[in-house]
Amino acid sequence: MNEHTFESALARLNEIIALLEKNEVSLSQAATLYQEGQDLLKFAQTQLTQFESLIEPKGE
């Protein structure tokens, strides 16, 4: 994956959602965008988990 930040991943996810909602992409393009979105979502979820572990008190 490219060098994404949490914010850039969310921005790209929003772009992908907008493209898919327009129904102006081919099935092949939609599948590619969907996979990219899944990868970005996984990245963002991992980032959130890491951030949460930094702010949660130890022992909870």
C-alpha atoms as a PDB file:
ATOM      1  CA  MET A   1       0.000   0.000   0.000  1.00  0.00           C
ATOM      2  CA  ASN A   2       1.130   3.548  -0.624  1.00  0.00           C
ATOM      3  CA  GLU A   3       2.216   5.813   2.205  1.00  0.00           C
ATOM      4  CA  HIS A   4      -1.209   6.654   3.602  1.00  0.00           C
ATOM      5  CA  THR A   5      -2.134   8.541   6.697  1.00  0.00           C
ATOM      6  CA  PHE A   6      -5.377   7.833   8.499  1.00  0.00           C
ATOM      7  CA  GLU A   7      -6.808  11.053   7.100  1.00  0.00           C
ATOM      8  CA  SER A   8      -5.722  10.369   3.510  1.00  0.00           C
ATOM      9  CA  ALA A   9      -7.163   6.853   3.711  1.00  0.00           C
ATOM     10  CA  LEU A  10     -10.531   8.238   4.841  1.00  0.00           C
ATOM     11  CA  ALA A  11     -10.458  10.876   2.107  1.00  0.00           C
ATOM     12  CA  ARG A  12      -9.784   8.246  -0.556  1.00  0.00           C
ATOM     13  CA  LEU A  13     -12.527   6.023   0.887  1.00  0.00           C
ATOM     14  CA  ASN A  14     -14.968   8.910   0.510  1.00  0.00           C
ATOM     15  CA  GLU A  15     -13.852   9.368  -3.115  1.00  0.00           C
ATOM     16  CA  ILE A  16     -14.385   5.673  -3.810  1.00  0.00           C
ATOM     17  CA  ILE A  17     -17.839   5.727  -2.223  1.00  0.00           C
ATOM     18  CA  ALA A  18     -18.822   8.726  -4.349  1.00  0.00           C
ATOM     19  CA  LEU A  19     -17.599   7.018  -7.527  1.00  0.00           C
ATOM     20  CA  LEU A  20     -19.467   3.811  -6.749  1.00  0.00           C
ATOM     21  CA  GLU A  21     -22.668   5.654  -5.832  1.00  0.00           C
ATOM     22  CA  LYS A  22     -22.700   7.424  -9.215  1.00  0.00           C
ATOM     23  CA  ASN A  23     -22.911   4.069 -11.033  1.00  0.00           C
ATOM     24  CA  GLU A  24     -20.748   5.518 -13.814  1.00  0.00           C
ATOM     25  CA  VAL A  25     -17.934   2.981 -13.601  1.00  0.00           C
ATOM     26  CA  SER A  26     -17.699  -0.365 -15.317  1.00  0.00           C
ATOM     27  CA  LEU A  27     -18.118  -3.574 -13.369  1.00  0.00           C
ATOM     28  CA  SER A  28     -14.375  -4.178 -13.600  1.00  0.00           C
ATOM     29  CA  GLN A  29     -13.610  -0.674 -12.310  1.00  0.00           C
ATOM     30  CA  ALA A  30     -16.167  -1.100  -9.532  1.00  0.00           C
ATOM     31  CA  ALA A  31     -14.518  -4.345  -8.430  1.00  0.00           C
ATOM     32  CA  THR A  32     -11.096  -2.675  -8.406  1.00  0.00           C
ATOM     33  CA  LEU A  33     -12.418   0.302  -6.441  1.00  0.00           C
ATOM     34  CA  TYR A  34     -14.195  -2.017  -4.010  1.00  0.00           C
ATOM     35  CA  GLN A  35     -10.964  -3.920  -3.336  1.00  0.00           C
ATOM     36  CA  GLU A  36      -9.036  -0.674  -2.866  1.00  0.00           C
ATOM     37  CA  GLY A  37     -11.716   0.453  -0.434  1.00  0.00           C
ATOM     38  CA  GLN A  38     -11.452  -2.792   1.521  1.00  0.00           C
ATOM     39  CA  ASP A  39      -7.674  -2.372   1.772  1.00  0.00           C
ATOM     40  CA  LEU A  40      -8.028   1.241   2.919  1.00  0.00           C
ATOM     41  CA  LEU A  41     -10.670   0.271   5.469  1.00  0.00           C
ATOM     42  CA  LYS A  42      -8.396  -2.412   6.902  1.00  0.00           C
ATOM     43  CA  PHE A  43      -5.549   0.122   7.095  1.00  0.00           C
ATOM     44  CA  ALA A  44      -7.767   2.686   8.863  1.00  0.00           C
ATOM     45  CA  GLN A  45      -9.071   0.099  11.341  1.00  0.00           C
ATOM     46  CA  THR A  46      -5.510  -0.958  12.162  1.00  0.00           C
ATOM     47  CA  GLN A  47      -4.537   2.668  12.714  1.00  0.00           C
ATOM     48  CA  LEU A  48      -7.502   3.206  15.045  1.00  0.00           C
ATOM     49  CA  THR A  49      -6.612   0.113  17.057  1.00  0.00           C
ATOM     50  CA  GLN A  50      -3.043   1.354  17.437  1.00  0.00           C
ATOM     51  CA  PHE A  51      -4.210   4.814  18.496  1.00  0.00           C
ATOM     52  CA  GLU A  52      -6.639   3.326  21.013  1.00  0.00           C
ATOM     53  CA  SER A  53      -3.875   1.262  22.597  1.00  0.00           C
ATOM     54  CA  LEU A  54      -1.863   4.451  23.102  1.00  0.00           C
ATOM     55  CA  ILE A  55      -4.621   6.303  24.937  1.00  0.00           C
ATOM     56  CA  GLU A  56      -6.214   3.507  26.976  1.00  0.00           C
ATOM     57  CA  PRO A  57      -4.915   3.217  30.522  1.00  0.00           C
ATOM     58  CA  LYS A  58      -2.906   0.076  31.209  1.00  0.00           C
ATOM     59  CA  GLY A  59      -4.888  -2.645  32.934  1.00  0.00           C
ATOM     60  CA  GLU A  60      -8.247  -1.864  31.331  1.00  0.00           C
END
